[in-house]
C-alpha atoms as a PDB file:
ATOM      1  CA  MET A   1     134.762  98.782  76.007  1.00  0.00           C
ATOM      2  CA  LYS A   2     137.254  97.122  76.975  1.00  0.00           C
ATOM      3  CA  LYS A   3     136.542  93.183  76.149  1.00  0.00           C
ATOM      4  CA  TYR A   4     137.406  89.920  78.058  1.00  0.00           C
ATOM      5  CA  ILE A   5     137.623  86.278  77.921  1.00  0.00           C
ATOM      6  CA  LEU A   6     136.989  84.513  80.970  1.00  0.00           C
ATOM      7  CA  ASP A   7     136.188  80.914  82.292  1.00  0.00           C
ATOM      8  CA  LEU A   8     132.782  81.495  84.074  1.00  0.00           C
ATOM      9  CA  LYS A   9     131.745  78.407  86.770  1.00  0.00           C
ATOM     10  CA  VAL A  10     128.264  77.124  85.770  1.00  0.00           C
ATOM     11  CA  LEU A  11     126.274  77.604  89.315  1.00  0.00           C
ATOM     12  CA  SER A  12     123.014  76.171  87.965  1.00  0.00           C
ATOM     13  CA  ASN A  13     121.258  75.237  85.103  1.00  0.00           C
ATOM     14  CA  ARG A  14     117.398  75.514  84.831  1.00  0.00           C
ATOM     15  CA  ALA A  15     115.122  73.958  82.229  1.00  0.00           C
ATOM     16  CA  LEU A  16     112.001  76.372  81.436  1.00  0.00           C
ATOM     17  CA  ASN A  17     110.899  73.652  78.855  1.00  0.00           C
ATOM     18  CA  GLN A  18     111.908  71.044  76.740  1.00  0.00           C
ATOM     19  CA  ASN A  19     113.797  73.721  74.278  1.00  0.00           C
ATOM     20  CA  HIS A  20     115.274  76.405  76.608  1.00  0.00           C
ATOM     21  CA  HIS A  21     117.546  76.555  79.618  1.00  0.00           C
ATOM     22  CA  LEU A  22     118.582  79.188  81.924  1.00  0.00           C
ATOM     23  CA  LEU A  23     122.529  79.007  82.539  1.00  0.00           C
ATOM     24  CA  GLU A  24     123.822  80.803  86.074  1.00  0.00           C
ATOM     25  CA  LEU A  25     127.062  81.854  85.665  1.00  0.00           C
ATOM     26  CA  GLY A  26     129.875  83.071  88.167  1.00  0.00           C
ATOM     27  CA  SER A  27     133.243  83.832  88.777  1.00  0.00           C
ATOM     28  CA  ASP A  28     135.905  84.033  91.531  1.00  0.00           C
ATOM     29  CA  GLU A  29     136.799  87.320  90.359  1.00  0.00           C
ATOM     30  CA  PRO A  30     134.578  90.340  89.507  1.00  0.00           C
ATOM     31  CA  LEU A  31     132.389  90.651  86.732  1.00  0.00           C
ATOM     32  CA  PRO A  32     133.070  93.550  84.439  1.00  0.00           C
ATOM     33  CA  VAL A  33     130.428  96.271  84.020  1.00  0.00           C
ATOM     34  CA  MET A  34     127.809  95.015  81.296  1.00  0.00           C
ATOM     35  CA  PHE A  35     124.910  97.020  80.290  1.00  0.00           C
ATOM     36  CA  PRO A  36     121.244  95.885  78.828  1.00  0.00           C
ATOM     37  CA  GLY A  37     121.493  94.776  75.197  1.00  0.00           C
ATOM     38  CA  GLN A  38     125.061  93.833  75.282  1.00  0.00           C
ATOM     39  CA  PHE A  39     125.847  90.036  74.473  1.00  0.00           C
ATOM     40  CA  ALA A  40     128.390  87.600  75.235  1.00  0.00           C
ATOM     41  CA  GLU A  41     130.290  85.061  72.527  1.00  0.00           C
ATOM     42  CA  VAL A  42     130.377  81.737  73.930  1.00  0.00           C
ATOM     43  CA  ARG A  43     133.063  79.008  72.943  1.00  0.00           C
ATOM     44  CA  VAL A  44     131.164  75.343  72.577  1.00  0.00           C
ATOM     45  CA  ASP A  45     133.530  72.801  74.083  1.00  0.00           C
ATOM     46  CA  GLY A  46     133.128  69.207  73.526  1.00  0.00           C
ATOM     47  CA  SER A  47     131.342  69.446  70.248  1.00  0.00           C
ATOM     48  CA  PRO A  48     133.682  68.425  67.736  1.00  0.00           C
ATOM     49  CA  SER A  49     131.390  70.220  64.842  1.00  0.00           C
ATOM     50  CA  THR A  50     130.913  73.454  66.468  1.00  0.00           C
ATOM     51  CA  TYR A  51     133.488  75.698  65.439  1.00  0.00           C
ATOM     52  CA  LEU A  52     132.858  78.922  66.091  1.00  0.00           C
ATOM     53  CA  ARG A  53     131.757  80.859  69.089  1.00  0.00           C
ATOM     54  CA  ARG A  54     127.802  80.823  69.879  1.00  0.00           C
ATOM     55  CA  PRO A  55     126.280  84.693  70.655  1.00  0.00           C
ATOM     56  CA  PHE A  56     124.026  84.815  73.542  1.00  0.00           C
ATOM     57  CA  SER A  57     122.475  87.989  74.767  1.00  0.00           C
ATOM     58  CA  ILE A  58     123.413  88.780  78.555  1.00  0.00           C
ATOM     59  CA  HIS A  59     120.046  88.096  80.316  1.00  0.00           C
ATOM     60  CA  ARG A  60     120.820  89.220  83.789  1.00  0.00           C
ATOM     61  CA  VAL A  61     123.372  90.179  85.644  1.00  0.00           C
ATOM     62  CA  ASP A  62     123.445  90.495  89.599  1.00  0.00           C
ATOM     63  CA  ARG A  63     126.147  92.405  90.862  1.00  0.00           C
ATOM     64  CA  GLY A  64     125.951  91.560  94.469  1.00  0.00           C
ATOM     65  CA  ALA A  65     126.103  87.782  93.827  1.00  0.00           C
ATOM     66  CA  ASN A  66     128.837  88.079  91.069  1.00  0.00           C
ATOM     67  CA  THR A  67     126.724  86.266  88.924  1.00  0.00           C
ATOM     68  CA  MET A  68     125.187  86.532  85.113  1.00  0.00           C
ATOM     69  CA  HIS A  69     122.510  84.518  83.386  1.00  0.00           C
ATOM     70  CA  LEU A  70     122.111  83.365  79.767  1.00  0.00           C
ATOM     71  CA  LEU A  71     119.214  81.971  78.106  1.00  0.00           C
ATOM     72  CA  ILE A  72     119.697  79.320  75.618  1.00  0.00           C
ATOM     73  CA  LYS A  73     117.761  77.858  72.978  1.00  0.00           C
ATOM     74  CA  THR A  74     118.697  74.467  71.785  1.00  0.00           C
ATOM     75  CA  VAL A  75     118.606  74.413  67.913  1.00  0.00           C
ATOM     76  CA  GLY A  76     121.587  72.444  67.162  1.00  0.00           C
ATOM     77  CA  GLU A  77     124.397  70.415  68.185  1.00  0.00           C
ATOM     78  CA  GLY A  78     126.271  73.405  70.024  1.00  0.00           C
ATOM     79  CA  THR A  79     123.494  74.648  72.131  1.00  0.00           C
ATOM     80  CA  ARG A  80     122.474  70.841  73.001  1.00  0.00           C
ATOM     81  CA  HIS A  81     125.336  70.678  74.476  1.00  0.00           C
ATOM     82  CA  LEU A  82     125.133  74.052  76.194  1.00  0.00           C
ATOM     83  CA  ALA A  83     121.829  72.780  77.492  1.00  0.00           C
ATOM     84  CA  GLU A  84     123.370  69.908  79.148  1.00  0.00           C
ATOM     85  CA  LEU A  85     126.156  71.459  80.847  1.00  0.00           C
ATOM     86  CA  LYS A  86     126.206  70.577  84.738  1.00  0.00           C
ATOM     87  CA  LYS A  87     126.897  72.724  88.068  1.00  0.00           C
ATOM     88  CA  ASN A  88     130.429  73.206  88.144  1.00  0.00           C
ATOM     89  CA  ASP A  89     131.384  73.016  84.426  1.00  0.00           C
ATOM     90  CA  THR A  90     133.276  75.373  82.954  1.00  0.00           C
ATOM     91  CA  LEU A  91     132.040  77.996  80.004  1.00  0.00           C
ATOM     92  CA  ASN A  92     134.359  80.056  78.046  1.00  0.00           C
ATOM     93  CA  ILE A  93     133.030  83.605  77.733  1.00  0.00           C
ATOM     94  CA  MET A  94     134.059  86.501  75.576  1.00  0.00           C
ATOM     95  CA  LEU A  95     132.381  89.729  76.720  1.00  0.00           C
ATOM     96  CA  PRO A  96     130.759  92.423  76.832  1.00  0.00           C
ATOM     97  CA  LEU A  97     130.165  92.934  73.232  1.00  0.00           C
ATOM     98  CA  GLY A  98     128.150  95.273  71.396  1.00  0.00           C
ATOM     99  CA  ASN A  99     126.135  98.370  72.179  1.00  0.00           C
ATOM    100  CA  GLY A 100     123.356  97.999  74.688  1.00  0.00           C
ATOM    101  CA  PHE A 101     119.515  99.829  74.754  1.00  0.00           C
ATOM    102  CA  THR A 102     119.514 103.411  75.456  1.00  0.00           C
ATOM    103  CA  LEU A 103     118.033 103.784  79.068  1.00  0.00           C
ATOM    104  CA  THR A 104     115.439 106.594  79.731  1.00  0.00           C
ATOM    105  CA  ARG A 105     114.393 107.868  82.957  1.00  0.00           C
ATOM    106  CA  ASN A 106     111.085 108.448  84.911  1.00  0.00           C
ATOM    107  CA  SER A 107     109.020 107.511  81.885  1.00  0.00           C
ATOM    108  CA  GLU A 108     106.398 105.114  80.552  1.00  0.00           C
ATOM    109  CA  VAL A 109     108.064 102.265  78.435  1.00  0.00           C
ATOM    110  CA  LEU A 110     106.939  99.235  76.736  1.00  0.00           C
ATOM    111  CA  LEU A 111     109.155  95.914  76.108  1.00  0.00           C
ATOM    112  CA  VAL A 112     108.164  93.290  73.491  1.00  0.00           C
ATOM    113  CA  GLY A 113     109.718  90.212  73.230  1.00  0.00           C
ATOM    114  CA  GLY A 114     108.651  87.450  71.256  1.00  0.00           C
ATOM    115  CA  GLY A 115     109.699  84.155  72.042  1.00  0.00           C
ATOM    116  CA  CYS A 116     113.680  83.687  72.776  1.00  0.00           C
ATOM    117  CA  GLY A 117     113.443  87.430  72.130  1.00  0.00           C
ATOM    118  CA  VAL A 118     113.081  87.774  75.771  1.00  0.00           C
ATOM    119  CA  ALA A 119     116.505  87.125  76.486  1.00  0.00           C
ATOM    120  CA  PRO A 120     117.720  90.886  76.586  1.00  0.00           C
ATOM    121  CA  LEU A 121     114.763  92.267  78.123  1.00  0.00           C
ATOM    122  CA  TYR A 122     115.060  91.220  81.907  1.00  0.00           C
ATOM    123  CA  PHE A 123     118.307  93.025  82.214  1.00  0.00           C
ATOM    124  CA  LEU A 124     116.605  95.843  80.239  1.00  0.00           C
ATOM    125  CA  ALA A 125     113.342  96.040  82.671  1.00  0.00           C
ATOM    126  CA  GLU A 126     115.456  95.612  85.875  1.00  0.00           C
ATOM    127  CA  GLN A 127     117.530  98.642  84.923  1.00  0.00           C
ATOM    128  CA  LEU A 128     114.631 100.668  83.488  1.00  0.00           C
ATOM    129  CA  PHE A 129     112.624 100.075  86.571  1.00  0.00           C
ATOM    130  CA  ARG A 130     115.523 100.915  89.059  1.00  0.00           C
ATOM    131  CA  GLN A 131     115.778 104.470  86.826  1.00  0.00           C
ATOM    132  CA  GLY A 132     112.325 105.148  88.037  1.00  0.00           C
ATOM    133  CA  ASN A 133     110.226 104.235  84.498  1.00  0.00           C
ATOM    134  CA  LYS A 134     106.725 102.699  84.516  1.00  0.00           C
ATOM    135  CA  VAL A 135     107.609  99.348  82.878  1.00  0.00           C
ATOM    136  CA  SER A 136     105.127  97.380  80.799  1.00  0.00           C
ATOM    137  CA  MET A 137     105.914  94.109  79.361  1.00  0.00           C
ATOM    138  CA  LEU A 138     104.540  92.288  76.407  1.00  0.00           C
ATOM    139  CA  ILE A 139     105.866  88.675  75.377  1.00  0.00           C
ATOM    140  CA  GLY A 140     104.050  86.624  72.610  1.00  0.00           C
ATOM    141  CA  GLY A 141     104.553  82.718  72.242  1.00  0.00           C
ATOM    142  CA  ARG A 142     103.023  80.067  69.836  1.00  0.00           C
ATOM    143  CA  SER A 143     101.328  78.558  72.829  1.00  0.00           C
ATOM    144  CA  ALA A 144     101.477  79.168  76.563  1.00  0.00           C
ATOM    145  CA  GLY A 145     104.443  76.422  76.968  1.00  0.00           C
ATOM    146  CA  ASP A 146     106.513  79.188  74.754  1.00  0.00           C
ATOM    147  CA  ILE A 147     105.982  81.605  77.151  1.00  0.00           C
ATOM    148  CA  LEU A 148     109.037  82.463  79.079  1.00  0.00           C
ATOM    149  CA  LEU A 149     109.878  83.951  82.482  1.00  0.00           C
ATOM    150  CA  ALA A 150     106.257  85.715  82.407  1.00  0.00           C
ATOM    151  CA  GLY A 151     106.255  85.498  86.264  1.00  0.00           C
ATOM    152  CA  GLU A 152     109.523  86.852  87.013  1.00  0.00           C
ATOM    153  CA  TYR A 153     108.775  90.220  84.831  1.00  0.00           C
ATOM    154  CA  ARG A 154     105.960  91.108  87.208  1.00  0.00           C
ATOM    155  CA  ALA A 155     108.368  91.990  89.389  1.00  0.00           C
ATOM    156  CA  PHE A 156     109.128  95.136  87.413  1.00  0.00           C
ATOM    157  CA  GLY A 157     105.618  96.336  86.108  1.00  0.00           C
ATOM    158  CA  ASN A 158     102.399  94.922  84.250  1.00  0.00           C
ATOM    159  CA  VAL A 159     102.928  91.812  81.861  1.00  0.00           C
ATOM    160  CA  TYR A 160     100.772  91.296  79.137  1.00  0.00           C
ATOM    161  CA  LEU A 161     100.782  87.810  76.902  1.00  0.00           C
ATOM    162  CA  ALA A 162      99.809  86.662  73.853  1.00  0.00           C
ATOM    163  CA  THR A 163      99.620  83.598  72.098  1.00  0.00           C
ATOM    164  CA  GLU A 164      98.977  82.398  68.418  1.00  0.00           C
ATOM    165  CA  ASP A 165      96.757  79.346  69.454  1.00  0.00           C
ATOM    166  CA  GLY A 166      94.760  81.116  72.402  1.00  0.00           C
ATOM    167  CA  SER A 167      96.041  79.218  75.112  1.00  0.00           C
ATOM    168  CA  LEU A 168      97.429  82.242  77.299  1.00  0.00           C
ATOM    169  CA  GLY A 169      96.656  85.983  77.388  1.00  0.00           C
ATOM    170  CA  GLU A 170      95.010  87.018  73.766  1.00  0.00           C
ATOM    171  CA  LYS A 171      94.755  84.838  70.858  1.00  0.00           C
ATOM    172  CA  GLY A 172      96.641  86.133  68.045  1.00  0.00           C
ATOM    173  CA  MET A 173     100.163  87.590  66.773  1.00  0.00           C
ATOM    174  CA  VAL A 174     101.846  89.587  69.423  1.00  0.00           C
ATOM    175  CA  THR A 175     101.953  92.666  67.394  1.00  0.00           C
ATOM    176  CA  ALA A 176      97.980  92.547  67.088  1.00  0.00           C
ATOM    177  CA  HIS A 177      97.627  92.478  71.207  1.00  0.00           C
ATOM    178  CA  SER A 178      95.162  95.505  72.378  1.00  0.00           C
ATOM    179  CA  VAL A 179      98.055  96.957  74.286  1.00  0.00           C
ATOM    180  CA  LEU A 180      99.841  97.734  70.856  1.00  0.00           C
ATOM    181  CA  LYS A 181      96.759  98.338  69.355  1.00  0.00           C
ATOM    182  CA  LYS A 182      94.691 100.451  71.407  1.00  0.00           C
ATOM    183  CA  GLU A 183      97.129 101.737  74.729  1.00  0.00           C
ATOM    184  CA  VAL A 184     100.060 102.315  72.682  1.00  0.00           C
ATOM    185  CA  SER A 185      99.886 106.247  72.599  1.00  0.00           C
ATOM    186  CA  SER A 186     100.557 106.121  76.543  1.00  0.00           C
ATOM    187  CA  PHE A 187     104.163 104.844  76.149  1.00  0.00           C
ATOM    188  CA  LYS A 188     107.171 107.547  75.516  1.00  0.00           C
ATOM    189  CA  LYS A 189     109.553 104.229  74.138  1.00  0.00           C
ATOM    190  CA  ILE A 190     109.149 100.738  73.032  1.00  0.00           C
ATOM    191  CA  TYR A 191     111.965  98.433  73.401  1.00  0.00           C
ATOM    192  CA  CYS A 192     111.813  95.070  71.227  1.00  0.00           C
ATOM    193  CA  CYS A 193     113.558  91.631  70.391  1.00  0.00           C
ATOM    194  CA  GLY A 194     112.481  88.779  68.435  1.00  0.00           C
ATOM    195  CA  PRO A 195     111.726  87.862  64.961  1.00  0.00           C
ATOM    196  CA  ASP A 196     112.601  90.012  62.186  1.00  0.00           C
ATOM    197  CA  GLY A 197     109.144  90.493  60.808  1.00  0.00           C
ATOM    198  CA  MET A 198     107.837  91.128  64.672  1.00  0.00           C
ATOM    199  CA  MET A 199     110.464  93.958  65.276  1.00  0.00           C
ATOM    200  CA  ARG A 200     109.644  95.380  61.961  1.00  0.00           C
ATOM    201  CA  ALA A 201     105.901  95.479  62.798  1.00  0.00           C
ATOM    202  CA  VAL A 202     106.460  96.845  66.077  1.00  0.00           C
ATOM    203  CA  ALA A 203     108.626  99.575  64.594  1.00  0.00           C
ATOM    204  CA  HIS A 204     106.200 100.798  61.795  1.00  0.00           C
ATOM    205  CA  ILE A 205     103.602 100.972  65.001  1.00  0.00           C
ATOM    206  CA  ALA A 206     105.998 103.298  66.858  1.00  0.00           C
ATOM    207  CA  ALA A 207     106.835 105.451  63.894  1.00  0.00           C
ATOM    208  CA  ALA A 208     102.949 105.884  63.308  1.00  0.00           C
ATOM    209  CA  ASN A 209     102.658 106.913  66.839  1.00  0.00           C
ATOM    210  CA  LYS A 210     105.969 108.963  66.887  1.00  0.00           C
ATOM    211  CA  ILE A 211     106.984 106.864  69.863  1.00  0.00           C
ATOM    212  CA  GLU A 212     110.617 106.556  70.009  1.00  0.00           C
ATOM    213  CA  CYS A 213     111.716 102.732  69.196  1.00  0.00           C
ATOM    214  CA  GLU A 214     114.784 100.769  69.471  1.00  0.00           C
ATOM    215  CA  VAL A 215     115.204  96.960  68.539  1.00  0.00           C
ATOM    216  CA  SER A 216     117.878  94.351  69.030  1.00  0.00           C
ATOM    217  CA  LEU A 217     118.813  92.495  65.918  1.00  0.00           C
ATOM    218  CA  GLU A 218     119.552  88.308  66.104  1.00  0.00           C
ATOM    219  CA  ASN A 219     121.694  88.295  63.123  1.00  0.00           C
ATOM    220  CA  THR A 220     124.466  85.668  63.118  1.00  0.00           C
ATOM    221  CA  MET A 221     127.512  87.090  64.701  1.00  0.00           C
ATOM    222  CA  ALA A 222     130.156  84.393  64.355  1.00  0.00           C
ATOM    223  CA  CYS A 223     132.929  86.658  65.722  1.00  0.00           C
ATOM    224  CA  GLY A 224     131.605  89.424  67.635  1.00  0.00           C
ATOM    225  CA  ILE A 225     134.175  92.060  66.943  1.00  0.00           C
ATOM    226  CA  GLY A 226     133.215  93.012  63.462  1.00  0.00           C
ATOM    227  CA  ALA A 227     135.889  90.710  61.694  1.00  0.00           C
ATOM    228  CA  CYS A 228     133.600  88.192  60.014  1.00  0.00           C
ATOM    229  CA  LEU A 229     130.940  90.353  57.955  1.00  0.00           C
ATOM    230  CA  CYS A 230     128.592  87.978  58.194  1.00  0.00           C
ATOM    231  CA  CYS A 231     126.380  90.247  60.528  1.00  0.00           C
ATOM    232  CA  VAL A 232     126.051  93.154  58.202  1.00  0.00           C
ATOM    233  CA  VAL A 233     122.729  95.040  57.677  1.00  0.00           C
ATOM    234  CA  GLU A 234     121.837  97.560  55.740  1.00  0.00           C
ATOM    235  CA  THR A 235     121.226 101.048  57.377  1.00  0.00           C
ATOM    236  CA  ASN A 236     121.034 104.837  56.105  1.00  0.00           C
ATOM    237  CA  GLN A 237     124.662 105.415  56.925  1.00  0.00           C
ATOM    238  CA  GLY A 238     125.540 102.341  54.566  1.00  0.00           C
ATOM    239  CA  ASN A 239     126.625  98.717  55.726  1.00  0.00           C
ATOM    240  CA  GLN A 240     127.257  97.857  59.080  1.00  0.00           C
ATOM    241  CA  CYS A 241     128.316  95.159  61.344  1.00  0.00           C
ATOM    242  CA  VAL A 242     125.786  94.339  63.881  1.00  0.00           C
ATOM    243  CA  CYS A 243     127.714  93.279  66.236  1.00  0.00           C
ATOM    244  CA  THR A 244     129.951  96.740  66.792  1.00  0.00           C
ATOM    245  CA  GLU A 245     127.377  99.230  65.835  1.00  0.00           C
ATOM    246  CA  GLY A 246     124.357  97.158  67.407  1.00  0.00           C
ATOM    247  CA  PRO A 247     122.953  94.701  68.133  1.00  0.00           C
ATOM    248  CA  VAL A 248     120.886  97.511  69.066  1.00  0.00           C
ATOM    249  CA  PHE A 249     119.570  99.993  66.620  1.00  0.00           C
ATOM    250  CA  ASP A 250     116.843 102.796  66.118  1.00  0.00           C
ATOM    251  CA  PRO A 251     114.832 101.130  63.341  1.00  0.00           C
ATOM    252  CA  LEU A 252     114.821 104.571  61.661  1.00  0.00           C
ATOM    253  CA  ARG A 253     118.381 104.047  61.014  1.00  0.00           C
ATOM    254  CA  LEU A 254     117.764 101.098  59.301  1.00  0.00           C
ATOM    255  CA  LYS A 255     116.872 100.946  55.562  1.00  0.00           C
ATOM    256  CA  ASN A 256     113.674 100.311  54.544  1.00  0.00           C
ATOM    257  CA  TRP A 257     112.296  99.705  58.481  1.00  0.00           C
ATOM    258  CA  SER A 258     110.705 102.851  58.391  1.00  0.00           C
ATOM    259  CA  THR A 259     108.362 102.299  55.840  1.00  0.00           C
ATOM    260  CA  ALA A 260     107.620  98.633  56.546  1.00  0.00           C
ATOM    261  CA  VAL A 261     103.698  97.921  57.050  1.00  0.00           C
ATOM    262  CA  GLU A 262     103.553  94.721  58.374  1.00  0.00           C
ATOM    263  CA  THR A 263     100.657  94.019  60.821  1.00  0.00           C
ATOM    264  CA  GLY A 264     101.521  90.594  62.151  1.00  0.00           C
ATOM    265  CA  CYS A 265     104.483  87.939  62.153  1.00  0.00           C
ATOM    266  CA  SER A 266     104.163  84.710  63.344  1.00  0.00           C
ATOM    267  CA  LEU A 267     106.674  82.885  65.796  1.00  0.00           C
ATOM    268  CA  ASP A 268     107.885  80.527  63.325  1.00  0.00           C
ATOM    269  CA  GLN A 269     109.167  82.988  60.891  1.00  0.00           C
END
């Protein structure tokens, strides 16, 4: 798939909470075709210590408005700089990168996101909804303030919440939610993104119930084109670069994932 390096204009910068911002970006020219699960590499200008581009999932694409959104979590100087961008600033982006989710049609699906792992799931939920699927969304966080964009997902189906402190939704790990424990057999496919331990636990639940599953890995991806090899993951077919072979994988392809027996994972991990 052809890759583009574009200068996009910041149309808005919406603070979701103290640590997360939603950037809306636009262009005078039509944006390239993008698919749910793909990502972009962002150049961070004006940050002397940020030498490499930073990878971000493509959160949303509006073809009619010719806009796209990136969900930014502030974790260091580079992302702090991105969180401070103003309207009409310019952002240099390479996209679309990687392989996205496999879309099913006219089925019942569950999307599971932990923390900032919801980043690629809005675009996915929207496309699955348009393909006639019955969509349910399970979002987890440490507390109510960490639950991102739950209201917006309700446009596509049921939304279930879990917080570790019980301040919103069911109390406990997202992987211990009743939807995954009692109702999981009703789903034909599960899509998941979040901390590694959480995804392994969801993959185990899916495998135990013979449900198709795809996970989006969040390995460090410095180049986005398979050159730096810092995102390599072990698979049953040998080592593969997450940025080119993924970031979306069937967990049965990932070495040792199919036998993982994890029942929960704190979003601090």
